[in-house]
């Protein structure tokens, strides 16, 4: 009788291991499908946000790594929204880090160079304006910056609501507030420009 019990236990363990392997293969395939379906979109959002394709790809990979490490939930229907929000948070963190680094570098340059005027021909007007916009976005509340970036990327109000986890009816109001905060901060930092 004891032999029967001992013989049954290894068989059960093998079946449990096989089930675990099959489940992991299914999760891996699900992850690969999500990656292929959403990678280009996530990189596009981050590229517009950061202005650097290489950095955008790095952050997109980081977002997918977070998704891979996250336990899969069978009934989680908003994985694309979670992925978009995670990527946006990583992008905003990168913008803030870059803004801090730029401030420190500028302060160090001024301390070393003294009162020398920077050469205005080093950057084109477009690159300068993009840098200004990135700086202002880095200083806004993360939710406002995300809302503005996603809207500028062509997302509909419904998609904005899904990505940011807000009610669709409040997207318009929040978008107006975010635009007003952006304009106010931009004008405070840079003053009024033609075409703004």
N, C-alpha and C. Protein backbone atom coordinates (compact mmCIF):
# COMPACT_ATOMS: atom_id res chain seq x y z
N UNK A 1 0.81 -1.18 0.00
CA UNK A 1 0.00 0.00 0.00
C UNK A 1 0.87 1.26 0.00
N UNK A 2 1.92 1.28 0.80
CA UNK A 2 2.84 2.41 0.83
C UNK A 2 3.52 2.60 -0.52
N UNK A 3 3.82 1.50 -1.21
CA UNK A 3 4.43 1.60 -2.53
C UNK A 3 3.49 2.27 -3.52
N UNK A 4 2.21 2.02 -3.41
CA UNK A 4 1.24 2.64 -4.31
C UNK A 4 1.22 4.17 -4.13
N UNK A 5 1.27 4.61 -2.87
CA UNK A 5 1.28 6.04 -2.58
C UNK A 5 2.56 6.67 -3.10
N UNK A 6 3.70 6.02 -2.88
CA UNK A 6 4.98 6.55 -3.32
C UNK A 6 5.03 6.62 -4.85
N UNK A 7 4.46 5.65 -5.52
CA UNK A 7 4.48 5.66 -6.98
C UNK A 7 3.56 6.74 -7.55
N UNK A 8 2.47 7.06 -6.88
CA UNK A 8 1.54 8.08 -7.37
C UNK A 8 2.10 9.49 -7.22
N UNK A 9 2.84 9.76 -6.18
CA UNK A 9 3.34 11.10 -5.91
C UNK A 9 4.26 11.59 -7.03
N UNK A 10 5.28 10.85 -7.48
CA UNK A 10 6.11 11.37 -8.57
C UNK A 10 5.30 11.64 -9.85
N UNK A 11 4.31 10.81 -10.13
CA UNK A 11 3.48 11.05 -11.32
C UNK A 11 2.72 12.36 -11.22
N UNK A 12 2.22 12.69 -10.03
CA UNK A 12 1.51 13.95 -9.83
C UNK A 12 2.47 15.13 -9.98
N UNK A 13 3.68 14.97 -9.44
CA UNK A 13 4.67 16.05 -9.57
C UNK A 13 5.01 16.32 -11.02
N UNK A 14 5.14 15.28 -11.83
CA UNK A 14 5.46 15.45 -13.24
C UNK A 14 4.32 16.19 -13.94
N UNK A 15 3.07 15.83 -13.62
CA UNK A 15 1.93 16.50 -14.23
C UNK A 15 1.88 17.98 -13.83
N UNK A 16 2.17 18.27 -12.57
CA UNK A 16 2.18 19.67 -12.11
C UNK A 16 3.27 20.45 -12.83
N UNK A 17 4.45 19.85 -12.97
CA UNK A 17 5.53 20.52 -13.69
C UNK A 17 5.14 20.78 -15.15
N UNK A 18 4.51 19.80 -15.78
CA UNK A 18 4.07 19.99 -17.17
C UNK A 18 3.06 21.12 -17.27
N UNK A 19 2.13 21.20 -16.31
CA UNK A 19 1.15 22.29 -16.32
C UNK A 19 1.83 23.64 -16.15
N UNK A 20 2.83 23.70 -15.26
CA UNK A 20 3.57 24.95 -15.06
C UNK A 20 4.31 25.36 -16.33
N UNK A 21 4.94 24.40 -17.00
CA UNK A 21 5.67 24.69 -18.23
C UNK A 21 4.70 25.18 -19.30
N UNK A 22 3.55 24.51 -19.43
CA UNK A 22 2.56 24.93 -20.42
C UNK A 22 2.03 26.32 -20.13
N UNK A 23 1.78 26.64 -18.85
CA UNK A 23 1.29 27.96 -18.48
C UNK A 23 2.34 29.02 -18.79
N UNK A 24 3.61 28.73 -18.48
CA UNK A 24 4.68 29.70 -18.76
C UNK A 24 4.83 29.91 -20.26
N UNK A 25 4.70 28.87 -21.05
CA UNK A 25 4.77 29.02 -22.51
C UNK A 25 3.61 29.88 -23.01
N UNK A 26 2.44 29.68 -22.45
CA UNK A 26 1.28 30.48 -22.83
C UNK A 26 1.50 31.95 -22.46
N UNK A 27 2.04 32.21 -21.27
CA UNK A 27 2.32 33.58 -20.85
C UNK A 27 3.38 34.21 -21.74
N UNK A 28 4.40 33.44 -22.10
CA UNK A 28 5.45 33.95 -22.96
C UNK A 28 4.88 34.32 -24.33
N UNK A 29 4.01 33.47 -24.86
CA UNK A 29 3.40 33.76 -26.16
C UNK A 29 2.51 34.99 -26.08
N UNK A 30 1.76 35.13 -24.98
CA UNK A 30 0.92 36.30 -24.78
C UNK A 30 1.77 37.56 -24.72
N UNK A 31 2.88 37.48 -24.01
CA UNK A 31 3.77 38.63 -23.91
C UNK A 31 4.34 38.98 -25.28
N UNK A 32 4.77 37.98 -26.04
CA UNK A 32 5.32 38.25 -27.37
C UNK A 32 4.27 38.92 -28.27
N UNK A 33 3.03 38.46 -28.17
CA UNK A 33 1.95 39.06 -28.96
C UNK A 33 1.73 40.52 -28.56
N UNK A 34 1.72 40.79 -27.25
CA UNK A 34 1.58 42.17 -26.77
C UNK A 34 2.75 43.03 -27.24
N UNK A 35 3.94 42.50 -27.17
CA UNK A 35 5.13 43.24 -27.58
C UNK A 35 5.03 43.62 -29.06
N UNK A 36 4.72 42.64 -29.89
CA UNK A 36 4.63 42.91 -31.33
C UNK A 36 3.50 43.88 -31.66
N UNK A 37 2.42 43.80 -30.92
CA UNK A 37 1.26 44.65 -31.21
C UNK A 37 1.46 46.10 -30.76
N UNK A 38 2.24 46.32 -29.70
CA UNK A 38 2.28 47.66 -29.10
C UNK A 38 3.65 48.33 -29.08
N UNK A 39 4.69 47.64 -29.46
CA UNK A 39 6.04 48.21 -29.35
C UNK A 39 6.19 49.48 -30.18
N UNK A 40 5.78 49.44 -31.42
CA UNK A 40 5.95 50.60 -32.30
C UNK A 40 5.19 51.81 -31.77
N UNK A 41 4.01 51.60 -31.24
CA UNK A 41 3.22 52.70 -30.71
C UNK A 41 3.87 53.32 -29.47
N UNK A 42 4.37 52.47 -28.59
CA UNK A 42 5.02 52.95 -27.37
C UNK A 42 6.28 53.73 -27.73
N UNK A 43 7.06 53.21 -28.65
CA UNK A 43 8.28 53.91 -29.08
C UNK A 43 7.91 55.24 -29.72
N UNK A 44 6.85 55.27 -30.52
CA UNK A 44 6.42 56.52 -31.16
C UNK A 44 6.04 57.58 -30.15
N UNK A 45 5.30 57.19 -29.13
CA UNK A 45 4.91 58.14 -28.08
C UNK A 45 6.15 58.68 -27.38
N UNK A 46 7.05 57.78 -27.01
CA UNK A 46 8.26 58.20 -26.29
C UNK A 46 9.19 59.02 -27.19
N UNK A 47 9.22 58.72 -28.48
CA UNK A 47 10.07 59.49 -29.40
C UNK A 47 9.57 60.93 -29.49
N UNK A 48 8.26 61.09 -29.61
CA UNK A 48 7.70 62.45 -29.65
C UNK A 48 7.92 63.17 -28.32
N UNK A 49 7.89 62.44 -27.27
CA UNK A 49 8.06 63.03 -25.95
C UNK A 49 9.50 63.45 -25.70
N UNK A 50 10.45 62.61 -26.08
CA UNK A 50 11.86 62.83 -25.76
C UNK A 50 12.67 63.44 -26.90
N UNK A 51 12.24 63.24 -28.12
CA UNK A 51 12.99 63.74 -29.26
C UNK A 51 14.25 62.94 -29.55
N UNK A 52 14.36 61.75 -29.00
CA UNK A 52 15.55 60.92 -29.16
C UNK A 52 15.11 59.48 -29.37
N UNK A 53 15.32 58.97 -30.58
CA UNK A 53 14.85 57.64 -30.92
C UNK A 53 15.51 56.56 -30.07
N UNK A 54 16.81 56.68 -29.85
CA UNK A 54 17.52 55.67 -29.06
C UNK A 54 17.01 55.61 -27.63
N UNK A 55 16.83 56.77 -27.03
CA UNK A 55 16.33 56.82 -25.65
C UNK A 55 14.89 56.31 -25.59
N UNK A 56 14.10 56.63 -26.62
CA UNK A 56 12.71 56.15 -26.67
C UNK A 56 12.67 54.62 -26.72
N UNK A 57 13.54 54.02 -27.52
CA UNK A 57 13.58 52.56 -27.60
C UNK A 57 14.02 51.95 -26.27
N UNK A 58 14.99 52.56 -25.60
CA UNK A 58 15.43 52.07 -24.30
C UNK A 58 14.29 52.09 -23.29
N UNK A 59 13.56 53.20 -23.25
CA UNK A 59 12.46 53.32 -22.29
C UNK A 59 11.30 52.39 -22.65
N UNK A 60 11.07 52.19 -23.94
CA UNK A 60 10.02 51.24 -24.35
C UNK A 60 10.40 49.83 -23.89
N UNK A 61 11.67 49.48 -24.06
CA UNK A 61 12.11 48.17 -23.59
C UNK A 61 11.96 48.05 -22.08
N UNK A 62 12.25 49.11 -21.36
CA UNK A 62 12.08 49.10 -19.92
C UNK A 62 10.61 48.92 -19.53
N UNK A 63 9.71 49.56 -20.25
CA UNK A 63 8.28 49.40 -19.98
C UNK A 63 7.84 47.96 -20.23
N UNK A 64 8.32 47.37 -21.31
CA UNK A 64 7.97 45.98 -21.59
C UNK A 64 8.61 45.02 -20.59
N UNK A 65 9.78 45.35 -20.09
CA UNK A 65 10.41 44.53 -19.05
C UNK A 65 9.56 44.56 -17.79
N UNK A 66 9.03 45.73 -17.44
CA UNK A 66 8.14 45.82 -16.28
C UNK A 66 6.89 44.97 -16.51
N UNK A 67 6.36 45.00 -17.73
CA UNK A 67 5.20 44.18 -18.04
C UNK A 67 5.54 42.70 -17.93
N UNK A 68 6.71 42.31 -18.39
CA UNK A 68 7.13 40.91 -18.35
C UNK A 68 7.27 40.42 -16.91
N UNK A 69 7.77 41.28 -16.05
CA UNK A 69 7.96 40.91 -14.64
C UNK A 69 6.67 40.95 -13.85
N UNK A 70 5.68 41.63 -14.40
CA UNK A 70 4.38 41.76 -13.73
C UNK A 70 3.61 40.46 -13.94
N UNK A 71 2.96 39.95 -12.88
CA UNK A 71 2.17 38.73 -13.08
C UNK A 71 1.00 38.99 -14.03
N UNK A 72 0.83 38.09 -14.97
CA UNK A 72 -0.26 38.24 -15.92
C UNK A 72 -1.58 37.92 -15.24
N UNK A 73 -2.55 38.73 -15.53
CA UNK A 73 -3.89 38.48 -15.04
C UNK A 73 -4.75 38.13 -16.25
N UNK A 74 -5.42 37.01 -16.18
CA UNK A 74 -6.19 36.53 -17.32
C UNK A 74 -7.29 37.53 -17.72
N UNK A 75 -7.86 38.22 -16.74
CA UNK A 75 -8.98 39.10 -17.04
C UNK A 75 -8.56 40.57 -17.11
N UNK A 76 -7.29 40.85 -17.23
CA UNK A 76 -6.82 42.24 -17.32
C UNK A 76 -6.96 42.70 -18.77
N UNK A 77 -8.04 43.44 -19.05
CA UNK A 77 -8.33 43.88 -20.41
C UNK A 77 -7.64 45.17 -20.78
N UNK A 78 -6.99 45.82 -19.83
CA UNK A 78 -6.39 47.12 -20.11
C UNK A 78 -4.86 47.08 -20.07
N UNK A 79 -4.28 45.97 -20.50
CA UNK A 79 -2.82 45.90 -20.55
C UNK A 79 -2.22 46.96 -21.48
N UNK A 80 -2.84 47.25 -22.63
CA UNK A 80 -2.29 48.34 -23.46
C UNK A 80 -2.32 49.68 -22.74
N UNK A 81 -3.37 49.95 -21.99
CA UNK A 81 -3.45 51.19 -21.22
C UNK A 81 -2.38 51.24 -20.14
N UNK A 82 -2.20 50.12 -19.45
CA UNK A 82 -1.17 50.04 -18.41
C UNK A 82 0.20 50.27 -19.03
N UNK A 83 0.43 49.66 -20.17
CA UNK A 83 1.71 49.78 -20.84
C UNK A 83 1.96 51.22 -21.28
N UNK A 84 0.94 51.86 -21.82
CA UNK A 84 1.05 53.25 -22.26
C UNK A 84 1.34 54.16 -21.08
N UNK A 85 0.64 53.96 -19.99
CA UNK A 85 0.83 54.79 -18.80
C UNK A 85 2.24 54.58 -18.22
N UNK A 86 2.70 53.34 -18.17
CA UNK A 86 4.04 53.05 -17.66
C UNK A 86 5.10 53.72 -18.53
N UNK A 87 4.93 53.63 -19.84
CA UNK A 87 5.88 54.27 -20.74
C UNK A 87 5.88 55.78 -20.57
N UNK A 88 4.70 56.37 -20.41
CA UNK A 88 4.61 57.81 -20.21
C UNK A 88 5.30 58.22 -18.91
N UNK A 89 5.10 57.45 -17.85
CA UNK A 89 5.76 57.76 -16.59
C UNK A 89 7.28 57.67 -16.72
N UNK A 90 7.76 56.66 -17.43
CA UNK A 90 9.20 56.55 -17.66
C UNK A 90 9.71 57.73 -18.47
N UNK A 91 8.93 58.15 -19.47
CA UNK A 91 9.32 59.29 -20.29
C UNK A 91 9.38 60.58 -19.50
N UNK A 92 8.38 60.79 -18.65
CA UNK A 92 8.38 62.01 -17.82
C UNK A 92 9.53 61.98 -16.85
N UNK A 93 9.83 60.82 -16.28
CA UNK A 93 10.99 60.72 -15.39
C UNK A 93 12.27 61.06 -16.15
N UNK A 94 12.38 60.60 -17.39
CA UNK A 94 13.57 60.90 -18.20
C UNK A 94 13.65 62.39 -18.51
N UNK A 95 12.51 63.02 -18.82
CA UNK A 95 12.50 64.47 -19.06
C UNK A 95 12.94 65.24 -17.83
N UNK A 96 12.42 64.84 -16.69
CA UNK A 96 12.80 65.53 -15.45
C UNK A 96 14.29 65.36 -15.17
N UNK A 97 14.77 64.16 -15.35
CA UNK A 97 16.19 63.89 -15.13
C UNK A 97 17.04 64.73 -16.08
N UNK A 98 16.62 64.80 -17.32
CA UNK A 98 17.35 65.59 -18.32
C UNK A 98 17.31 67.08 -17.97
N UNK A 99 16.15 67.56 -17.52
CA UNK A 99 16.02 68.98 -17.15
C UNK A 99 16.93 69.30 -15.96
N UNK A 100 16.97 68.40 -14.99
CA UNK A 100 17.86 68.60 -13.84
C UNK A 100 19.32 68.63 -14.27
N UNK A 101 19.68 67.67 -15.10
CA UNK A 101 21.06 67.59 -15.58
C UNK A 101 21.42 68.86 -16.36
N UNK A 102 20.50 69.34 -17.19
CA UNK A 102 20.75 70.55 -17.97
C UNK A 102 20.94 71.75 -17.06
N UNK A 103 20.10 71.85 -16.03
CA UNK A 103 20.26 72.97 -15.08
C UNK A 103 21.62 72.92 -14.40
N UNK A 104 22.03 71.74 -13.97
CA UNK A 104 23.34 71.60 -13.31
C UNK A 104 24.48 71.93 -14.27
N UNK A 105 24.37 71.45 -15.50
CA UNK A 105 25.41 71.72 -16.49
C UNK A 105 25.46 73.21 -16.83
N UNK A 106 24.30 73.84 -16.97
CA UNK A 106 24.27 75.28 -17.25
C UNK A 106 24.89 76.07 -16.11
N UNK A 107 24.58 75.69 -14.88
CA UNK A 107 25.14 76.38 -13.72
C UNK A 107 26.66 76.20 -13.68
N UNK A 108 27.13 75.01 -13.99
CA UNK A 108 28.58 74.76 -14.01
C UNK A 108 29.25 75.54 -15.13
N UNK A 109 28.59 75.63 -16.28
CA UNK A 109 29.15 76.38 -17.40
C UNK A 109 29.26 77.86 -17.06
N UNK A 110 28.19 78.40 -16.49
CA UNK A 110 28.22 79.81 -16.10
C UNK A 110 29.30 80.08 -15.06
N UNK A 111 29.48 79.16 -14.15
CA UNK A 111 30.50 79.35 -13.11
C UNK A 111 31.90 79.30 -13.71
N UNK A 112 32.10 78.46 -14.73
CA UNK A 112 33.42 78.31 -15.34
C UNK A 112 33.71 79.38 -16.40
N UNK A 113 32.69 79.75 -17.15
CA UNK A 113 32.90 80.65 -18.27
C UNK A 113 32.75 82.11 -17.86
N UNK A 114 31.95 82.36 -16.87
CA UNK A 114 31.72 83.75 -16.46
C UNK A 114 30.56 84.33 -17.22
N UNK A 115 30.73 85.51 -17.78
CA UNK A 115 29.64 86.21 -18.45
C UNK A 115 29.67 86.07 -19.96
N UNK A 116 30.35 85.09 -20.50
CA UNK A 116 30.39 84.92 -21.95
C UNK A 116 29.00 84.56 -22.47
N UNK A 117 28.65 85.10 -23.61
CA UNK A 117 27.36 84.85 -24.23
C UNK A 117 27.45 83.56 -25.04
N UNK A 118 26.41 82.73 -24.90
CA UNK A 118 26.38 81.48 -25.66
C UNK A 118 26.18 81.80 -27.14
N UNK A 119 26.74 81.00 -27.98
CA UNK A 119 26.60 81.14 -29.42
C UNK A 119 25.20 80.70 -29.82
N UNK A 120 24.41 81.64 -30.32
CA UNK A 120 23.02 81.36 -30.69
C UNK A 120 22.88 80.57 -31.97
N UNK A 121 23.98 80.39 -32.72
CA UNK A 121 23.90 79.66 -33.99
C UNK A 121 24.15 78.17 -33.81
N UNK A 122 24.36 77.73 -32.59
CA UNK A 122 24.65 76.31 -32.35
C UNK A 122 23.42 75.42 -32.58
N UNK A 123 22.28 75.98 -32.32
CA UNK A 123 21.04 75.20 -32.45
C UNK A 123 20.08 75.92 -33.38
N UNK A 124 19.33 75.15 -34.10
CA UNK A 124 18.32 75.77 -34.96
C UNK A 124 17.12 76.20 -34.12
N UNK A 125 16.29 77.04 -34.69
CA UNK A 125 15.13 77.53 -33.97
C UNK A 125 14.20 76.37 -33.59
N UNK A 126 14.06 75.42 -34.47
CA UNK A 126 13.18 74.28 -34.18
C UNK A 126 13.69 73.47 -33.00
N UNK A 127 14.95 73.17 -32.97
CA UNK A 127 15.51 72.39 -31.86
C UNK A 127 15.38 73.15 -30.55
N UNK A 128 15.54 74.45 -30.60
CA UNK A 128 15.40 75.27 -29.39
C UNK A 128 13.96 75.24 -28.89
N UNK A 129 13.02 75.37 -29.79
CA UNK A 129 11.61 75.34 -29.38
C UNK A 129 11.24 73.97 -28.80
N UNK A 130 11.73 72.91 -29.41
CA UNK A 130 11.45 71.57 -28.89
C UNK A 130 12.02 71.41 -27.48
N UNK A 131 13.20 71.92 -27.26
CA UNK A 131 13.82 71.85 -25.94
C UNK A 131 13.00 72.63 -24.91
N UNK A 132 12.49 73.80 -25.33
CA UNK A 132 11.66 74.60 -24.44
C UNK A 132 10.39 73.85 -24.06
N UNK A 133 9.76 73.25 -25.05
CA UNK A 133 8.53 72.50 -24.79
C UNK A 133 8.82 71.33 -23.85
N UNK A 134 9.91 70.62 -24.07
CA UNK A 134 10.27 69.50 -23.19
C UNK A 134 10.50 69.98 -21.76
N UNK A 135 11.13 71.12 -21.61
CA UNK A 135 11.39 71.65 -20.28
C UNK A 135 10.08 72.01 -19.57
N UNK A 136 9.19 72.65 -20.30
CA UNK A 136 7.91 73.01 -19.70
C UNK A 136 7.13 71.74 -19.33
N UNK A 137 7.14 70.73 -20.21
CA UNK A 137 6.45 69.48 -19.90
C UNK A 137 7.03 68.82 -18.66
N UNK A 138 8.34 68.91 -18.50
CA UNK A 138 8.98 68.30 -17.33
C UNK A 138 8.57 68.99 -16.04
N UNK A 139 8.16 70.23 -16.12
CA UNK A 139 7.78 70.98 -14.92
C UNK A 139 6.29 70.90 -14.61
N UNK A 140 5.50 70.38 -15.55
CA UNK A 140 4.07 70.23 -15.30
C UNK A 140 3.82 69.01 -14.43
N UNK A 141 2.59 68.91 -13.92
CA UNK A 141 2.19 67.71 -13.21
C UNK A 141 2.25 66.55 -14.21
N UNK A 142 2.67 65.36 -13.75
CA UNK A 142 2.78 64.23 -14.68
C UNK A 142 1.49 63.94 -15.44
N UNK A 143 0.35 64.01 -14.78
CA UNK A 143 -0.92 63.71 -15.45
C UNK A 143 -1.20 64.72 -16.57
N UNK A 144 -0.88 66.00 -16.33
CA UNK A 144 -1.10 67.02 -17.36
C UNK A 144 -0.15 66.80 -18.53
N UNK A 145 1.12 66.50 -18.25
CA UNK A 145 2.08 66.27 -19.32
C UNK A 145 1.68 65.06 -20.15
N UNK A 146 1.24 63.99 -19.48
CA UNK A 146 0.81 62.80 -20.20
C UNK A 146 -0.37 63.11 -21.10
N UNK A 147 -1.34 63.83 -20.57
CA UNK A 147 -2.53 64.17 -21.32
C UNK A 147 -2.18 64.97 -22.58
N UNK A 148 -1.32 65.98 -22.43
CA UNK A 148 -0.93 66.81 -23.58
C UNK A 148 -0.15 65.99 -24.62
N UNK A 149 0.76 65.15 -24.16
CA UNK A 149 1.57 64.36 -25.09
C UNK A 149 0.72 63.34 -25.85
N UNK A 150 -0.17 62.67 -25.13
CA UNK A 150 -1.01 61.69 -25.80
C UNK A 150 -1.96 62.36 -26.80
N UNK A 151 -2.49 63.51 -26.44
CA UNK A 151 -3.39 64.23 -27.36
C UNK A 151 -2.62 64.71 -28.58
N UNK A 152 -1.40 65.21 -28.36
CA UNK A 152 -0.58 65.66 -29.49
C UNK A 152 -0.16 64.48 -30.38
N UNK A 153 -0.18 63.28 -29.82
CA UNK A 153 0.16 62.08 -30.59
C UNK A 153 -1.02 61.58 -31.42
N UNK A 154 -2.18 62.26 -31.28
CA UNK A 154 -3.32 61.91 -32.12
C UNK A 154 -4.33 60.99 -31.45
N UNK A 155 -4.24 60.80 -30.15
CA UNK A 155 -5.20 59.93 -29.47
C UNK A 155 -6.54 60.62 -29.31
N UNK A 156 -7.59 59.83 -29.38
CA UNK A 156 -8.94 60.36 -29.18
C UNK A 156 -9.20 60.53 -27.69
N UNK A 157 -10.29 61.21 -27.37
CA UNK A 157 -10.64 61.40 -25.96
C UNK A 157 -10.86 60.06 -25.28
N UNK A 158 -11.48 59.13 -25.98
CA UNK A 158 -11.73 57.80 -25.42
C UNK A 158 -10.42 57.08 -25.13
N UNK A 159 -9.47 57.16 -26.04
CA UNK A 159 -8.16 56.54 -25.82
C UNK A 159 -7.43 57.21 -24.66
N UNK A 160 -7.55 58.53 -24.57
CA UNK A 160 -6.93 59.25 -23.45
C UNK A 160 -7.50 58.76 -22.13
N UNK A 161 -8.80 58.62 -22.07
CA UNK A 161 -9.45 58.16 -20.85
C UNK A 161 -8.97 56.76 -20.48
N UNK A 162 -8.84 55.89 -21.48
CA UNK A 162 -8.38 54.53 -21.22
C UNK A 162 -6.94 54.47 -20.75
N UNK A 163 -6.07 55.23 -21.40
CA UNK A 163 -4.65 55.23 -21.03
C UNK A 163 -4.40 55.82 -19.65
N UNK A 164 -5.15 56.86 -19.32
CA UNK A 164 -4.89 57.57 -18.08
C UNK A 164 -5.81 57.16 -16.94
N UNK A 165 -6.77 56.30 -17.23
CA UNK A 165 -7.66 55.82 -16.18
C UNK A 165 -8.59 56.89 -15.63
N UNK A 166 -9.12 57.73 -16.52
CA UNK A 166 -10.03 58.79 -16.10
C UNK A 166 -11.36 58.62 -16.84
N UNK A 167 -12.36 59.31 -16.37
CA UNK A 167 -13.67 59.26 -17.01
C UNK A 167 -13.63 59.97 -18.36
N UNK A 168 -14.21 59.39 -19.40
CA UNK A 168 -14.21 60.04 -20.72
C UNK A 168 -14.82 61.43 -20.71
N UNK A 169 -15.81 61.67 -19.87
CA UNK A 169 -16.45 62.97 -19.82
C UNK A 169 -15.58 64.07 -19.25
N UNK A 170 -14.54 63.70 -18.52
CA UNK A 170 -13.68 64.71 -17.89
C UNK A 170 -12.43 65.00 -18.71
N UNK A 171 -12.23 64.30 -19.81
CA UNK A 171 -11.01 64.49 -20.61
C UNK A 171 -10.91 65.91 -21.14
N UNK A 172 -12.01 66.45 -21.67
CA UNK A 172 -11.99 67.80 -22.25
C UNK A 172 -11.59 68.85 -21.22
N UNK A 173 -12.19 68.77 -20.05
CA UNK A 173 -11.89 69.73 -18.99
C UNK A 173 -10.43 69.62 -18.55
N UNK A 174 -9.98 68.39 -18.35
CA UNK A 174 -8.59 68.19 -17.94
C UNK A 174 -7.61 68.64 -19.02
N UNK A 175 -7.98 68.44 -20.26
CA UNK A 175 -7.13 68.86 -21.37
C UNK A 175 -7.03 70.39 -21.42
N UNK A 176 -8.13 71.07 -21.23
CA UNK A 176 -8.11 72.54 -21.22
C UNK A 176 -7.24 73.05 -20.08
N UNK A 177 -7.38 72.43 -18.90
CA UNK A 177 -6.56 72.83 -17.76
C UNK A 177 -5.08 72.58 -18.02
N UNK A 178 -4.78 71.45 -18.63
CA UNK A 178 -3.38 71.13 -18.93
C UNK A 178 -2.80 72.11 -19.95
N UNK A 179 -3.59 72.46 -20.96
CA UNK A 179 -3.12 73.44 -21.95
C UNK A 179 -2.89 74.80 -21.31
N UNK A 180 -3.79 75.20 -20.42
CA UNK A 180 -3.64 76.49 -19.73
C UNK A 180 -2.40 76.49 -18.85
N UNK A 181 -2.17 75.39 -18.14
CA UNK A 181 -0.98 75.29 -17.28
C UNK A 181 0.29 75.32 -18.11
N UNK A 182 0.26 74.64 -19.28
CA UNK A 182 1.42 74.64 -20.16
C UNK A 182 1.70 76.05 -20.66
N UNK A 183 0.66 76.72 -21.15
CA UNK A 183 0.84 78.07 -21.70
C UNK A 183 1.35 79.04 -20.62
N UNK A 184 0.76 78.94 -19.44
CA UNK A 184 1.17 79.83 -18.35
C UNK A 184 2.65 79.61 -17.99
N UNK A 185 3.05 78.35 -17.89
CA UNK A 185 4.44 78.06 -17.53
C UNK A 185 5.39 78.47 -18.66
N UNK A 186 4.97 78.24 -19.91
CA UNK A 186 5.80 78.60 -21.05
C UNK A 186 6.02 80.11 -21.10
N UNK A 187 4.93 80.87 -20.93
CA UNK A 187 5.04 82.32 -20.95
C UNK A 187 5.89 82.84 -19.80
N UNK A 188 5.78 82.21 -18.66
CA UNK A 188 6.58 82.63 -17.51
C UNK A 188 8.06 82.41 -17.78
N UNK A 189 8.37 81.29 -18.41
CA UNK A 189 9.78 80.97 -18.68
C UNK A 189 10.35 81.70 -19.87
N UNK A 190 9.57 81.85 -20.95
CA UNK A 190 10.12 82.33 -22.21
C UNK A 190 9.46 83.58 -22.77
N UNK A 191 8.34 84.00 -22.20
CA UNK A 191 7.66 85.16 -22.76
C UNK A 191 6.88 84.78 -24.00
N UNK A 192 6.21 85.77 -24.59
CA UNK A 192 5.38 85.51 -25.77
C UNK A 192 6.24 85.50 -27.02
N UNK A 193 5.96 84.55 -27.91
CA UNK A 193 6.64 84.46 -29.19
C UNK A 193 5.61 84.58 -30.30
N UNK A 194 6.06 84.92 -31.48
CA UNK A 194 5.15 84.91 -32.62
C UNK A 194 4.74 83.50 -32.93
N UNK A 195 3.47 83.34 -33.26
CA UNK A 195 2.97 82.02 -33.63
C UNK A 195 2.59 81.16 -32.46
N UNK A 196 2.70 81.65 -31.23
CA UNK A 196 2.33 80.84 -30.07
C UNK A 196 0.88 81.03 -29.75
